[in-house]
Amino acid sequence: MEYEVRHVHLPENLGLLRVGFDEEGRIRQAIFATLPEGLALSFDDFMALPVVLGGTEFQQALWHGVQSVPAGEVRSYQWLARQVGRPRACRAVANALAANPVAVRVPCHRIIRSDGGLGGYAWGEKRKAGLLAWEKAEWDK
């Protein structure tokens, strides 16, 4: 399937997000890229776009659940596991979040370890920490 591709410039030099849209204008894929090309899209406009999420029922439930975490806040893997009715599935939660095809728009970076550690992030812990710091600063204004 062909996607229309646009790029989102993330704040604080966190990188560039390459976004693929379907024919109905919904996000199908978002990955971090290094070279700007195509049409630019503001961050706020990007976050407001509808998104298509494939995946298993479990993945979809998690990806939907993580979108309820407000910007500037974090929740634990265990919290998210409880939200979807699988309180002992923390490792499965982490694996499902790592498979998120729509980075940043489905904010898996807002899920951290119960002890306050960042935990993993498919795009690297440095980028996860940067996204969290930027969101906190923006929403604390």
Protein backbone atom coordinates (compact mmCIF):
# COMPACT_ATOMS: atom_id res chain seq x y z
CA MET A 1 0.00 0.00 0.00
CA GLU A 2 1.30 3.48 -0.89
CA TYR A 3 1.25 6.13 1.81
CA GLU A 4 1.34 9.88 1.55
CA VAL A 5 4.40 10.85 3.57
CA ARG A 6 4.82 13.98 5.67
CA HIS A 7 7.28 14.89 8.37
CA VAL A 8 6.77 16.27 11.85
CA HIS A 9 9.60 18.26 13.37
CA LEU A 10 9.69 17.38 17.04
CA PRO A 11 10.73 20.01 19.60
CA GLU A 12 14.05 20.21 21.41
CA ASN A 13 15.97 18.45 18.63
CA LEU A 14 14.26 15.16 19.42
CA GLY A 15 14.32 14.30 15.78
CA LEU A 16 12.08 14.07 12.81
CA LEU A 17 9.04 11.86 12.60
CA ARG A 18 8.18 10.40 9.20
CA VAL A 19 4.43 9.88 8.97
CA GLY A 20 2.53 7.75 6.45
CA PHE A 21 -1.17 8.41 5.85
CA ASP A 22 -3.78 6.23 4.18
CA GLU A 23 -6.16 7.44 1.47
CA GLU A 24 -8.63 8.65 4.13
CA GLY A 25 -6.02 10.84 5.80
CA ARG A 26 -5.52 8.62 8.85
CA ILE A 27 -2.06 7.86 10.18
CA ARG A 28 -0.91 4.36 9.29
CA GLN A 29 2.74 4.55 10.26
CA ALA A 30 5.08 6.94 12.08
CA ILE A 31 8.78 6.28 12.38
CA PHE A 32 11.75 8.38 13.35
CA ALA A 33 13.78 9.49 10.36
CA THR A 34 16.88 11.60 9.87
CA LEU A 35 16.31 13.58 6.69
CA PRO A 36 13.54 16.12 6.16
CA GLU A 37 11.57 15.64 2.97
CA GLY A 38 7.97 16.06 1.90
CA LEU A 39 5.41 18.31 3.50
CA ALA A 40 5.85 19.60 7.03
CA LEU A 41 3.11 19.18 9.62
CA SER A 42 2.89 21.03 12.95
CA PHE A 43 3.22 18.93 16.09
CA ASP A 44 -0.24 19.97 17.36
CA ASP A 45 -1.85 19.11 14.01
CA PHE A 46 -0.08 15.76 14.04
CA MET A 47 -1.37 14.91 17.53
CA ALA A 48 -4.93 15.79 16.48
CA LEU A 49 -4.98 13.49 13.43
CA PRO A 50 -6.97 10.25 13.49
CA VAL A 51 -4.89 7.11 13.65
CA VAL A 52 -5.29 3.55 12.35
CA LEU A 53 -4.02 0.88 14.71
CA GLY A 54 -3.68 -2.70 13.54
CA GLY A 55 -2.36 -5.37 15.86
CA THR A 56 -3.87 -7.91 18.19
CA GLU A 57 -6.79 -7.14 20.49
CA PHE A 58 -4.33 -6.93 23.38
CA GLN A 59 -2.07 -4.48 21.51
CA GLN A 60 -5.02 -2.36 20.44
CA ALA A 61 -6.33 -2.22 24.03
CA LEU A 62 -2.91 -1.09 25.26
CA TRP A 63 -2.43 1.48 22.51
CA HIS A 64 -5.88 2.85 23.23
CA GLY A 65 -5.21 2.87 26.98
CA VAL A 66 -1.91 4.70 26.71
CA GLN A 67 -3.66 7.52 24.86
CA SER A 68 -5.60 8.26 28.07
CA VAL A 69 -2.38 9.29 29.84
CA PRO A 70 -2.27 13.09 29.69
CA ALA A 71 0.72 14.84 28.16
CA GLY A 72 3.23 15.76 30.86
CA GLU A 73 2.29 12.76 33.00
CA VAL A 74 3.49 9.16 33.20
CA ARG A 75 2.02 5.83 34.29
CA SER A 76 3.64 2.48 34.97
CA TYR A 77 3.61 -0.67 32.87
CA GLN A 78 1.74 -2.28 35.76
CA TRP A 79 -0.90 0.47 35.72
CA LEU A 80 -1.49 -0.12 32.01
CA ALA A 81 -1.63 -3.90 32.50
CA ARG A 82 -4.35 -3.40 35.12
CA GLN A 83 -6.24 -1.02 32.81
CA VAL A 84 -6.61 -3.79 30.23
CA GLY A 85 -7.48 -6.46 32.79
CA ARG A 86 -4.11 -8.28 32.71
CA PRO A 87 -2.43 -7.14 35.97
CA ARG A 88 0.38 -9.74 35.78
CA ALA A 89 1.27 -9.05 32.13
CA CYS A 90 3.83 -6.25 32.58
CA ARG A 91 6.39 -7.85 30.25
CA ALA A 92 3.72 -8.45 27.60
CA VAL A 93 2.68 -4.80 27.97
CA ALA A 94 6.26 -3.67 27.35
CA ASN A 95 6.55 -5.91 24.29
CA ALA A 96 3.25 -4.68 22.86
CA LEU A 97 4.22 -1.05 23.40
CA ALA A 98 7.51 -1.69 21.59
CA ALA A 99 5.48 -2.81 18.55
CA ASN A 100 3.57 0.50 18.38
CA PRO A 101 3.63 1.51 14.70
CA VAL A 102 2.72 5.13 15.39
CA ALA A 103 5.49 6.55 17.55
CA VAL A 104 4.70 9.66 19.60
CA ARG A 105 1.07 9.91 18.33
CA VAL A 106 0.29 6.86 20.45
CA PRO A 107 2.40 8.05 23.40
CA CYS A 108 4.04 4.86 24.65
CA HIS A 109 6.87 7.03 25.95
CA ARG A 110 4.53 8.00 28.84
CA ILE A 111 4.73 4.49 30.28
CA ILE A 112 7.60 3.88 32.72
CA ARG A 113 8.71 1.29 35.27
CA SER A 114 6.99 1.14 38.67
CA ASP A 115 10.24 2.14 40.37
CA GLY A 116 10.35 5.38 38.35
CA GLY A 117 12.96 4.17 35.86
CA LEU A 118 12.29 4.92 32.22
CA GLY A 119 12.15 1.34 31.02
CA GLY A 120 12.75 0.71 27.36
CA TYR A 121 11.66 2.64 24.29
CA ALA A 122 11.86 1.44 20.72
CA TRP A 123 13.49 4.72 19.69
CA GLY A 124 15.98 4.84 22.58
CA GLU A 125 15.86 5.93 26.20
CA LYS A 126 17.47 9.29 25.38
CA ARG A 127 14.62 10.16 23.03
CA LYS A 128 12.06 8.88 25.59
CA ALA A 129 13.57 11.08 28.31
CA GLY A 130 13.60 14.05 25.93
CA LEU A 131 9.96 13.61 24.95
CA LEU A 132 8.89 13.33 28.58
CA ALA A 133 10.90 16.40 29.61
CA TRP A 134 9.53 18.46 26.72
CA GLU A 135 5.92 17.45 27.43
CA LYS A 136 6.27 18.20 31.13
CA ALA A 137 7.73 21.64 30.42
CA GLU A 138 5.00 22.43 27.87
CA TRP A 139 2.10 21.40 30.09
CA ASP A 140 3.55 22.95 33.26
CA LYS A 141 3.47 26.42 31.66
